[in-house]
Structure formats: C-alpha cells, structure tokens
N, C-alpha and C. Protein backbone atom coordinates (compact mmCIF):
# COMPACT_ATOMS: atom_id res chain seq x y z
N MET A 1 26.02 -3.86 -3.92
CA MET A 1 26.98 -4.85 -4.36
C MET A 1 26.71 -5.11 -5.84
N SER A 2 27.72 -5.07 -6.62
CA SER A 2 27.55 -5.29 -8.05
C SER A 2 28.06 -6.68 -8.41
N PRO A 3 27.51 -7.28 -9.46
CA PRO A 3 27.96 -8.62 -9.87
C PRO A 3 29.43 -8.60 -10.23
N ARG A 4 30.11 -9.69 -9.95
CA ARG A 4 31.54 -9.76 -10.27
C ARG A 4 31.79 -10.32 -11.64
N LYS A 5 30.78 -10.95 -12.25
CA LYS A 5 30.97 -11.52 -13.57
C LYS A 5 29.64 -11.46 -14.31
N SER A 6 29.72 -11.33 -15.61
CA SER A 6 28.49 -11.21 -16.38
C SER A 6 28.00 -12.55 -16.89
N GLN A 7 28.86 -13.54 -16.93
CA GLN A 7 28.46 -14.87 -17.38
C GLN A 7 27.87 -15.65 -16.21
N SER A 8 26.98 -16.58 -16.53
CA SER A 8 26.46 -17.43 -15.48
C SER A 8 27.56 -18.38 -15.00
N SER A 9 27.40 -18.89 -13.81
CA SER A 9 28.40 -19.83 -13.31
C SER A 9 28.41 -21.09 -14.17
N GLN A 10 27.26 -21.46 -14.75
CA GLN A 10 27.21 -22.62 -15.65
C GLN A 10 28.08 -22.38 -16.88
N GLU A 11 27.99 -21.19 -17.46
CA GLU A 11 28.81 -20.86 -18.63
C GLU A 11 30.29 -20.88 -18.29
N LEU A 12 30.63 -20.36 -17.12
CA LEU A 12 32.04 -20.36 -16.72
C LEU A 12 32.55 -21.78 -16.50
N GLN A 13 31.72 -22.65 -15.92
CA GLN A 13 32.14 -24.04 -15.72
C GLN A 13 32.37 -24.73 -17.05
N GLU A 14 31.49 -24.47 -18.01
CA GLU A 14 31.65 -25.08 -19.33
C GLU A 14 32.92 -24.59 -20.02
N GLN A 15 33.26 -23.31 -19.83
CA GLN A 15 34.51 -22.80 -20.40
C GLN A 15 35.70 -23.52 -19.79
N GLU A 16 35.66 -23.75 -18.48
CA GLU A 16 36.76 -24.43 -17.81
C GLU A 16 36.86 -25.89 -18.27
N ASN A 17 35.76 -26.46 -18.74
CA ASN A 17 35.75 -27.84 -19.22
C ASN A 17 35.84 -27.90 -20.73
N ASN A 18 36.46 -26.90 -21.35
CA ASN A 18 36.64 -26.84 -22.80
C ASN A 18 35.33 -26.95 -23.57
N GLY A 19 34.30 -26.27 -23.06
CA GLY A 19 33.01 -26.22 -23.75
C GLY A 19 32.09 -27.40 -23.50
N GLU A 20 32.56 -28.37 -22.75
CA GLU A 20 31.72 -29.54 -22.45
C GLU A 20 30.80 -29.22 -21.28
N PRO A 21 29.52 -29.57 -21.38
CA PRO A 21 28.63 -29.36 -20.24
C PRO A 21 29.12 -30.14 -19.03
N THR A 22 28.91 -29.59 -17.85
CA THR A 22 29.38 -30.21 -16.62
C THR A 22 28.43 -31.27 -16.09
N GLY A 23 27.18 -31.25 -16.55
CA GLY A 23 26.20 -32.20 -16.04
C GLY A 23 25.42 -31.63 -14.86
N ALA A 24 25.95 -30.63 -14.21
CA ALA A 24 25.26 -29.99 -13.09
C ALA A 24 24.52 -28.77 -13.61
N GLU A 25 23.23 -28.71 -13.33
CA GLU A 25 22.44 -27.57 -13.76
C GLU A 25 21.93 -26.84 -12.54
N LEU A 26 22.25 -25.57 -12.45
CA LEU A 26 21.81 -24.77 -11.32
C LEU A 26 20.49 -24.08 -11.63
N ASP A 27 19.68 -23.91 -10.61
CA ASP A 27 18.47 -23.12 -10.74
C ASP A 27 18.90 -21.69 -11.09
N PRO A 28 18.19 -21.02 -11.98
CA PRO A 28 18.59 -19.66 -12.39
C PRO A 28 18.66 -18.66 -11.23
N ILE A 29 17.81 -18.84 -10.23
CA ILE A 29 17.86 -17.92 -9.09
C ILE A 29 19.17 -18.10 -8.32
N ILE A 30 19.53 -19.35 -8.06
CA ILE A 30 20.78 -19.63 -7.35
C ILE A 30 21.96 -19.17 -8.18
N ASP A 31 21.92 -19.43 -9.47
CA ASP A 31 23.01 -19.01 -10.35
C ASP A 31 23.17 -17.49 -10.30
N GLY A 32 22.04 -16.77 -10.31
CA GLY A 32 22.10 -15.32 -10.24
C GLY A 32 22.70 -14.84 -8.93
N LEU A 33 22.34 -15.49 -7.84
CA LEU A 33 22.91 -15.11 -6.54
C LEU A 33 24.41 -15.35 -6.51
N LEU A 34 24.85 -16.46 -7.08
CA LEU A 34 26.28 -16.76 -7.09
C LEU A 34 27.07 -15.73 -7.88
N THR A 35 26.46 -15.18 -8.94
CA THR A 35 27.18 -14.17 -9.73
C THR A 35 27.32 -12.86 -8.97
N HIS A 36 26.56 -12.70 -7.89
CA HIS A 36 26.65 -11.48 -7.09
C HIS A 36 27.64 -11.58 -5.93
N LEU A 37 28.31 -12.70 -5.81
CA LEU A 37 29.36 -12.81 -4.79
C LEU A 37 30.58 -12.02 -5.24
N PRO A 38 31.26 -11.37 -4.31
CA PRO A 38 32.51 -10.71 -4.71
C PRO A 38 33.58 -11.76 -5.01
N ALA A 39 34.59 -11.36 -5.73
CA ALA A 39 35.70 -12.25 -6.03
C ALA A 39 36.41 -12.64 -4.74
N PRO A 40 36.99 -13.84 -4.68
CA PRO A 40 37.73 -14.23 -3.49
C PRO A 40 38.78 -13.19 -3.13
N GLY A 41 38.82 -12.85 -1.85
CA GLY A 41 39.78 -11.86 -1.37
C GLY A 41 39.25 -10.44 -1.37
N ASP A 42 38.16 -10.17 -2.12
CA ASP A 42 37.55 -8.84 -2.12
C ASP A 42 36.71 -8.67 -0.86
N PRO A 43 36.55 -7.44 -0.40
CA PRO A 43 35.72 -7.22 0.78
C PRO A 43 34.26 -7.59 0.52
N PHE A 44 33.60 -8.06 1.55
CA PHE A 44 32.17 -8.40 1.51
C PHE A 44 31.60 -7.93 2.84
N PRO A 45 31.13 -6.67 2.87
CA PRO A 45 30.67 -6.09 4.14
C PRO A 45 29.64 -6.97 4.84
N ARG A 46 29.71 -7.02 6.14
CA ARG A 46 28.86 -7.88 6.96
C ARG A 46 27.38 -7.70 6.63
N LYS A 47 26.92 -6.45 6.48
CA LYS A 47 25.51 -6.19 6.20
C LYS A 47 25.09 -6.83 4.87
N GLU A 48 25.92 -6.68 3.84
CA GLU A 48 25.63 -7.27 2.53
C GLU A 48 25.72 -8.79 2.58
N ARG A 49 26.70 -9.29 3.33
CA ARG A 49 26.87 -10.74 3.47
C ARG A 49 25.65 -11.37 4.15
N ASP A 50 25.18 -10.72 5.23
CA ASP A 50 24.01 -11.24 5.94
C ASP A 50 22.77 -11.23 5.05
N LEU A 51 22.60 -10.17 4.27
CA LEU A 51 21.47 -10.09 3.35
C LEU A 51 21.57 -11.18 2.29
N TRP A 52 22.78 -11.38 1.73
CA TRP A 52 22.98 -12.42 0.72
C TRP A 52 22.64 -13.79 1.29
N MET A 53 23.11 -14.06 2.50
CA MET A 53 22.84 -15.35 3.14
C MET A 53 21.35 -15.55 3.39
N GLN A 54 20.66 -14.51 3.80
CA GLN A 54 19.22 -14.60 4.03
C GLN A 54 18.49 -14.90 2.72
N ILE A 55 18.85 -14.20 1.66
CA ILE A 55 18.22 -14.42 0.37
C ILE A 55 18.52 -15.84 -0.12
N MET A 56 19.75 -16.31 0.03
CA MET A 56 20.10 -17.66 -0.40
C MET A 56 19.31 -18.70 0.40
N GLY A 57 19.18 -18.50 1.70
CA GLY A 57 18.42 -19.44 2.52
C GLY A 57 16.97 -19.54 2.08
N LEU A 58 16.35 -18.40 1.81
CA LEU A 58 14.96 -18.41 1.34
C LEU A 58 14.85 -19.02 -0.05
N THR A 59 15.84 -18.78 -0.88
CA THR A 59 15.84 -19.36 -2.22
C THR A 59 15.93 -20.87 -2.15
N LEU A 60 16.78 -21.38 -1.27
CA LEU A 60 16.89 -22.83 -1.12
C LEU A 60 15.57 -23.45 -0.67
N GLU A 61 14.85 -22.74 0.22
CA GLU A 61 13.53 -23.23 0.64
C GLU A 61 12.56 -23.26 -0.53
N LEU A 62 12.67 -22.29 -1.43
CA LEU A 62 11.80 -22.22 -2.59
C LEU A 62 12.12 -23.30 -3.61
N VAL A 63 13.39 -23.50 -3.88
CA VAL A 63 13.83 -24.39 -4.95
C VAL A 63 13.82 -25.85 -4.53
N TYR A 64 14.21 -26.13 -3.29
CA TYR A 64 14.33 -27.51 -2.82
C TYR A 64 13.35 -27.76 -1.68
N PRO A 65 12.28 -28.52 -1.92
CA PRO A 65 11.34 -28.80 -0.84
C PRO A 65 12.01 -29.69 0.22
N ASP A 66 11.54 -29.55 1.46
CA ASP A 66 12.07 -30.44 2.49
C ASP A 66 11.39 -31.80 2.35
N ASP A 67 11.76 -32.75 3.16
CA ASP A 67 11.26 -34.12 3.05
C ASP A 67 9.74 -34.18 3.15
N GLU A 68 9.14 -33.45 4.11
CA GLU A 68 7.69 -33.49 4.29
C GLU A 68 6.97 -32.95 3.07
N GLU A 69 7.46 -31.83 2.52
CA GLU A 69 6.83 -31.24 1.34
C GLU A 69 6.91 -32.19 0.15
N ALA A 70 8.05 -32.84 -0.02
CA ALA A 70 8.24 -33.74 -1.14
C ALA A 70 7.32 -34.95 -1.04
N GLU A 71 6.97 -35.33 0.19
CA GLU A 71 6.09 -36.48 0.41
C GLU A 71 4.63 -36.07 0.44
N GLY A 72 4.32 -34.80 0.20
CA GLY A 72 2.94 -34.35 0.18
C GLY A 72 2.41 -33.89 1.52
N GLY A 73 3.25 -33.80 2.52
CA GLY A 73 2.82 -33.34 3.84
C GLY A 73 2.77 -31.82 3.89
N GLU A 74 2.53 -31.30 5.06
CA GLU A 74 2.49 -29.86 5.25
C GLU A 74 3.90 -29.30 5.12
N PRO A 75 4.05 -28.15 4.46
CA PRO A 75 5.38 -27.55 4.39
C PRO A 75 5.86 -27.15 5.77
N ALA A 76 7.14 -27.33 5.98
CA ALA A 76 7.73 -26.95 7.26
C ALA A 76 7.73 -25.44 7.38
N GLU A 77 7.55 -24.96 8.60
CA GLU A 77 7.62 -23.53 8.85
C GLU A 77 9.07 -23.07 8.71
N PRO A 78 9.31 -22.01 7.94
CA PRO A 78 10.70 -21.53 7.83
C PRO A 78 11.17 -20.99 9.16
N GLU A 79 12.43 -21.24 9.43
CA GLU A 79 13.02 -20.72 10.67
C GLU A 79 13.23 -19.23 10.51
N PRO A 80 13.00 -18.46 11.59
CA PRO A 80 13.21 -17.02 11.47
C PRO A 80 14.68 -16.71 11.20
N ALA A 81 14.90 -15.73 10.37
CA ALA A 81 16.28 -15.33 10.05
C ALA A 81 16.88 -14.63 11.25
N SER A 82 18.12 -14.96 11.54
CA SER A 82 18.79 -14.29 12.65
C SER A 82 19.43 -13.01 12.14
N ALA A 83 19.33 -11.99 12.92
CA ALA A 83 19.86 -10.68 12.51
C ALA A 83 21.21 -10.43 13.07
C-alpha cells in the first residue's frame, strides 16, 4: 500500500484553515499511519486493512497510556490481536 498524500495530515489541515494552525497536534507515528490510508472510495484490501488496524491499535497503546499506567500502576496487558 502506498501513501495517498505526501503532506502530513497536520499540514493539510492548516491549508484548509488558510494557513492557521488547527490547535490539534498529532503524534508523528499516528500522522504517518493516516497518510497511508487510501483515498475515500479507493479499494483497501482486507489483509492490508487488518494490518493497518493492528498497527494503529499498537501505536495507540504506545502513545496513549491507559488509566493505570498514567497513575503509575502496572501497564495493562495488551489484548491479543484478532486475525
């Protein structure tokens, strides 16, 4: 799967807002994953979609700690990915 756009989603949002920052800042990993989504209406084969979803899920665990982790507790065990 090839990226559908070369600009980051943050850059595209700023263009849509006439160059004004949107106030929302995405983690670079998440931003990179979003740029790899196909354009709306384009095919997204199930195997590639499942892989993308798995990578996004793991990325969210990396970028955003759950409540226990944020409070200094033991990190939650990640749920196994469904195939």
